[in-house]
Structures are given as structure tokens and as C-alpha cells.
Amino acid sequence: MGALLLVLLLALILGGAGFAVHILWWIAIIVLVVWALGFVFRGSGSGRWYRW
């Protein structure tokens, strides 16, 4: 019974981590798109499009 509970707990932890990693991938894709659009809309003007 203890081994079954351990396996279920491990499955829950890994499932939660997988969901978090999935969300982080979507955030990374959105940031990459915004970063790429910054280069497109910056054009040939001088200076950076971001403040940092």
C-alpha cells in the first residue's frame, strides 16, 4: 500500500511539473515573438526599442 501511495504521489508531482513546464514554454514563445517584433518595428532608427 505504501508503494502505491508513493507512485501516486510521484505521478502527481511529475504531472504538476509537466504542466508548469508547458506554461513556461508558452511564456517563452510569447516573449520570443515580442522580442522579434521589436526588431521588425524598430526599423533603421537609432536606439533600442526597450528601456533596459
PDB file of N, CA and C in Angstrom:
ATOM      1  N   MET A   1       0.828  -1.204   0.000  1.00  0.00           N
ATOM      2  CA  MET A   1       0.000   0.000   0.000  1.00  0.00           C
ATOM      3  C   MET A   1       0.868   1.263   0.000  1.00  0.00           C
ATOM      4  N   GLY A   2       1.952   1.214   0.752  1.00  0.00           N
ATOM      5  CA  GLY A   2       2.852   2.372   0.797  1.00  0.00           C
ATOM      6  C   GLY A   2       3.490   2.655  -0.548  1.00  0.00           C
ATOM      7  N   ALA A   3       3.855   1.583  -1.261  1.00  0.00           N
ATOM      8  CA  ALA A   3       4.467   1.760  -2.585  1.00  0.00           C
ATOM      9  C   ALA A   3       3.465   2.364  -3.567  1.00  0.00           C
ATOM     10  N   LEU A   4       2.212   1.968  -3.466  1.00  0.00           N
ATOM     11  CA  LEU A   4       1.189   2.518  -4.338  1.00  0.00           C
ATOM     12  C   LEU A   4       1.006   4.011  -4.084  1.00  0.00           C
ATOM     13  N   LEU A   5       0.980   4.403  -2.817  1.00  0.00           N
ATOM     14  CA  LEU A   5       0.867   5.830  -2.473  1.00  0.00           C
ATOM     15  C   LEU A   5       2.082   6.606  -2.956  1.00  0.00           C
ATOM     16  N   LEU A   6       3.258   6.021  -2.850  1.00  0.00           N
ATOM     17  CA  LEU A   6       4.476   6.679  -3.328  1.00  0.00           C
ATOM     18  C   LEU A   6       4.433   6.887  -4.839  1.00  0.00           C
ATOM     19  N   VAL A   7       3.971   5.889  -5.573  1.00  0.00           N
ATOM     20  CA  VAL A   7       3.859   6.012  -7.032  1.00  0.00           C
ATOM     21  C   VAL A   7       2.832   7.067  -7.407  1.00  0.00           C
ATOM     22  N   LEU A   8       1.706   7.101  -6.703  1.00  0.00           N
ATOM     23  CA  LEU A   8       0.688   8.118  -6.991  1.00  0.00           C
ATOM     24  C   LEU A   8       1.205   9.520  -6.679  1.00  0.00           C
ATOM     25  N   LEU A   9       1.919   9.658  -5.576  1.00  0.00           N
ATOM     26  CA  LEU A   9       2.488  10.959  -5.223  1.00  0.00           C
ATOM     27  C   LEU A   9       3.506  11.396  -6.263  1.00  0.00           C
ATOM     28  N   LEU A  10       4.341  10.485  -6.707  1.00  0.00           N
ATOM     29  CA  LEU A  10       5.330  10.807  -7.736  1.00  0.00           C
ATOM     30  C   LEU A  10       4.652  11.207  -9.041  1.00  0.00           C
ATOM     31  N   ALA A  11       3.571  10.518  -9.399  1.00  0.00           N
ATOM     32  CA  ALA A  11       2.837  10.864 -10.620  1.00  0.00           C
ATOM     33  C   ALA A  11       2.232  12.261 -10.517  1.00  0.00           C
ATOM     34  N   LEU A  12       1.701  12.600  -9.345  1.00  0.00           N
ATOM     35  CA  LEU A  12       1.137  13.943  -9.160  1.00  0.00           C
ATOM     36  C   LEU A  12       2.210  15.015  -9.253  1.00  0.00           C
ATOM     37  N   ILE A  13       3.352  14.759  -8.644  1.00  0.00           N
ATOM     38  CA  ILE A  13       4.440  15.750  -8.686  1.00  0.00           C
ATOM     39  C   ILE A  13       4.937  15.948 -10.115  1.00  0.00           C
ATOM     40  N   LEU A  14       5.170  14.837 -10.809  1.00  0.00           N
ATOM     41  CA  LEU A  14       5.663  14.950 -12.188  1.00  0.00           C
ATOM     42  C   LEU A  14       4.611  15.556 -13.110  1.00  0.00           C
ATOM     43  N   GLY A  15       3.345  15.254 -12.890  1.00  0.00           N
ATOM     44  CA  GLY A  15       2.284  15.860 -13.692  1.00  0.00           C
ATOM     45  C   GLY A  15       2.208  17.356 -13.474  1.00  0.00           C
ATOM     46  N   GLY A  16       2.337  17.775 -12.225  1.00  0.00           N
ATOM     47  CA  GLY A  16       2.339  19.210 -11.926  1.00  0.00           C
ATOM     48  C   GLY A  16       3.537  19.911 -12.525  1.00  0.00           C
ATOM     49  N   ALA A  17       4.699  19.253 -12.453  1.00  0.00           N
ATOM     50  CA  ALA A  17       5.905  19.841 -13.035  1.00  0.00           C
ATOM     51  C   ALA A  17       5.776  19.920 -14.555  1.00  0.00           C
ATOM     52  N   GLY A  18       5.187  18.906 -15.155  1.00  0.00           N
ATOM     53  CA  GLY A  18       4.994  18.936 -16.605  1.00  0.00           C
ATOM     54  C   GLY A  18       4.065  20.061 -17.027  1.00  0.00           C
ATOM     55  N   PHE A  19       3.013  20.297 -16.241  1.00  0.00           N
ATOM     56  CA  PHE A  19       2.098  21.397 -16.542  1.00  0.00           C
ATOM     57  C   PHE A  19       2.812  22.736 -16.416  1.00  0.00           C
ATOM     58  N   ALA A  20       3.644  22.888 -15.368  1.00  0.00           N
ATOM     59  CA  ALA A  20       4.381  24.135 -15.173  1.00  0.00           C
ATOM     60  C   ALA A  20       5.364  24.367 -16.311  1.00  0.00           C
ATOM     61  N   VAL A  21       6.035  23.308 -16.752  1.00  0.00           N
ATOM     62  CA  VAL A  21       6.979  23.443 -17.862  1.00  0.00           C
ATOM     63  C   VAL A  21       6.235  23.809 -19.139  1.00  0.00           C
ATOM     64  N   HIS A  22       5.054  23.261 -19.339  1.00  0.00           N
ATOM     65  CA  HIS A  22       4.246  23.599 -20.510  1.00  0.00           C
ATOM     66  C   HIS A  22       3.893  25.086 -20.510  1.00  0.00           C
ATOM     67  N   ILE A  23       3.478  25.592 -19.361  1.00  0.00           N
ATOM     68  CA  ILE A  23       3.157  27.020 -19.245  1.00  0.00           C
ATOM     69  C   ILE A  23       4.398  27.870 -19.506  1.00  0.00           C
ATOM     70  N   LEU A  24       5.547  27.446 -18.981  1.00  0.00           N
ATOM     71  CA  LEU A  24       6.783  28.208 -19.200  1.00  0.00           C
ATOM     72  C   LEU A  24       7.180  28.218 -20.675  1.00  0.00           C
ATOM     73  N   TRP A  25       6.922  27.138 -21.401  1.00  0.00           N
ATOM     74  CA  TRP A  25       7.199  27.127 -22.835  1.00  0.00           C
ATOM     75  C   TRP A  25       6.345  28.148 -23.569  1.00  0.00           C
ATOM     76  N   TRP A  26       5.051  28.219 -23.205  1.00  0.00           N
ATOM     77  CA  TRP A  26       4.175  29.209 -23.850  1.00  0.00           C
ATOM     78  C   TRP A  26       4.639  30.628 -23.542  1.00  0.00           C
ATOM     79  N   ILE A  27       5.048  30.892 -22.305  1.00  0.00           N
ATOM     80  CA  ILE A  27       5.551  32.221 -21.944  1.00  0.00           C
ATOM     81  C   ILE A  27       6.819  32.530 -22.740  1.00  0.00           C
ATOM     82  N   ALA A  28       7.708  31.541 -22.881  1.00  0.00           N
ATOM     83  CA  ALA A  28       8.937  31.756 -23.639  1.00  0.00           C
ATOM     84  C   ALA A  28       8.641  32.057 -25.107  1.00  0.00           C
ATOM     85  N   ILE A  29       7.657  31.383 -25.681  1.00  0.00           N
ATOM     86  CA  ILE A  29       7.298  31.631 -27.081  1.00  0.00           C
ATOM     87  C   ILE A  29       6.739  33.044 -27.242  1.00  0.00           C
ATOM     88  N   ILE A  30       5.898  33.477 -26.302  1.00  0.00           N
ATOM     89  CA  ILE A  30       5.318  34.821 -26.373  1.00  0.00           C
ATOM     90  C   ILE A  30       6.412  35.883 -26.255  1.00  0.00           C
ATOM     91  N   VAL A  31       7.355  35.685 -25.329  1.00  0.00           N
ATOM     92  CA  VAL A  31       8.449  36.644 -25.172  1.00  0.00           C
ATOM     93  C   VAL A  31       9.314  36.683 -26.428  1.00  0.00           C
ATOM     94  N   LEU A  32       9.560  35.542 -27.039  1.00  0.00           N
ATOM     95  CA  LEU A  32      10.349  35.498 -28.264  1.00  0.00           C
ATOM     96  C   LEU A  32       9.655  36.243 -29.399  1.00  0.00           C
ATOM     97  N   VAL A  33       8.344  36.095 -29.509  1.00  0.00           N
ATOM     98  CA  VAL A  33       7.592  36.804 -30.555  1.00  0.00           C
ATOM     99  C   VAL A  33       7.658  38.314 -30.327  1.00  0.00           C
ATOM    100  N   VAL A  34       7.477  38.748 -29.075  1.00  0.00           N
ATOM    101  CA  VAL A  34       7.550  40.184 -28.774  1.00  0.00           C
ATOM    102  C   VAL A  34       8.941  40.712 -29.067  1.00  0.00           C
ATOM    103  N   TRP A  35       9.970  39.946 -28.726  1.00  0.00           N
ATOM    104  CA  TRP A  35      11.348  40.350 -28.977  1.00  0.00           C
ATOM    105  C   TRP A  35      11.613  40.481 -30.475  1.00  0.00           C
ATOM    106  N   ALA A  36      11.106  39.513 -31.270  1.00  0.00           N
ATOM    107  CA  ALA A  36      11.285  39.558 -32.718  1.00  0.00           C
ATOM    108  C   ALA A  36      10.520  40.727 -33.327  1.00  0.00           C
ATOM    109  N   LEU A  37       9.307  40.987 -32.823  1.00  0.00           N
ATOM    110  CA  LEU A  37       8.543  42.132 -33.331  1.00  0.00           C
ATOM    111  C   LEU A  37       9.244  43.443 -33.020  1.00  0.00           C
ATOM    112  N   GLY A  38       9.969  43.501 -31.933  1.00  0.00           N
ATOM    113  CA  GLY A  38      10.742  44.699 -31.606  1.00  0.00           C
ATOM    114  C   GLY A  38      11.783  44.991 -32.664  1.00  0.00           C
ATOM    115  N   PHE A  39      12.421  43.957 -33.191  1.00  0.00           N
ATOM    116  CA  PHE A  39      13.387  44.166 -34.268  1.00  0.00           C
ATOM    117  C   PHE A  39      12.695  44.604 -35.548  1.00  0.00           C
ATOM    118  N   VAL A  40      11.517  44.049 -35.831  1.00  0.00           N
ATOM    119  CA  VAL A  40      10.806  44.388 -37.067  1.00  0.00           C
ATOM    120  C   VAL A  40      10.328  45.835 -37.029  1.00  0.00           C
ATOM    121  N   PHE A  41       9.717  46.238 -35.900  1.00  0.00           N
ATOM    122  CA  PHE A  41       9.151  47.583 -35.824  1.00  0.00           C
ATOM    123  C   PHE A  41      10.180  48.649 -35.494  1.00  0.00           C
ATOM    124  N   ARG A  42      11.376  48.251 -35.103  1.00  0.00           N
ATOM    125  CA  ARG A  42      12.401  49.237 -34.797  1.00  0.00           C
ATOM    126  C   ARG A  42      12.857  49.920 -36.071  1.00  0.00           C
ATOM    127  N   GLY A  43      12.925  49.149 -37.133  1.00  0.00           N
ATOM    128  CA  GLY A  43      13.341  49.707 -38.409  1.00  0.00           C
ATOM    129  C   GLY A  43      14.803  50.077 -38.384  1.00  0.00           C
ATOM    130  N   SER A  44      15.155  51.126 -39.109  1.00  0.00           N
ATOM    131  CA  SER A  44      16.551  51.557 -39.189  1.00  0.00           C
ATOM    132  C   SER A  44      16.844  52.700 -38.230  1.00  0.00           C
ATOM    133  N   GLY A  45      15.910  53.018 -37.380  1.00  0.00           N
ATOM    134  CA  GLY A  45      16.125  54.105 -36.424  1.00  0.00           C
ATOM    135  C   GLY A  45      17.189  53.751 -35.407  1.00  0.00           C
ATOM    136  N   SER A  46      17.751  54.779 -34.800  1.00  0.00           N
ATOM    137  CA  SER A  46      18.798  54.530 -33.807  1.00  0.00           C
ATOM    138  C   SER A  46      18.164  54.281 -32.443  1.00  0.00           C
ATOM    139  N   GLY A  47      18.922  53.646 -31.592  1.00  0.00           N
ATOM    140  CA  GLY A  47      18.435  53.384 -30.243  1.00  0.00           C
ATOM    141  C   GLY A  47      17.760  52.050 -30.128  1.00  0.00           C
ATOM    142  N   ARG A  48      17.548  51.664 -28.908  1.00  0.00           N
ATOM    143  CA  ARG A  48      16.909  50.386 -28.639  1.00  0.00           C
ATOM    144  C   ARG A  48      15.420  50.592 -28.424  1.00  0.00           C
ATOM    145  N   TRP A  49      14.640  49.537 -28.697  1.00  0.00           N
ATOM    146  CA  TRP A  49      13.187  49.649 -28.518  1.00  0.00           C
ATOM    147  C   TRP A  49      12.787  49.347 -27.112  1.00  0.00           C
ATOM    148  N   TYR A  50      13.686  48.829 -26.318  1.00  0.00           N
ATOM    149  CA  TYR A  50      13.376  48.548 -24.917  1.00  0.00           C
ATOM    150  C   TYR A  50      14.187  49.486 -24.024  1.00  0.00           C
ATOM    151  N   ARG A  51      13.825  49.610 -22.780  1.00  0.00           N
ATOM    152  CA  ARG A  51      14.443  50.599 -21.906  1.00  0.00           C
ATOM    153  C   ARG A  51      15.594  50.056 -21.095  1.00  0.00           C
ATOM    154  N   TRP A  52      15.832  48.747 -21.091  1.00  0.00           N
ATOM    155  CA  TRP A  52      16.942  48.216 -20.327  1.00  0.00           C
ATOM    156  C   TRP A  52      17.964  47.761 -21.258  1.00  0.00           C
TER     157      TRP A  52
END
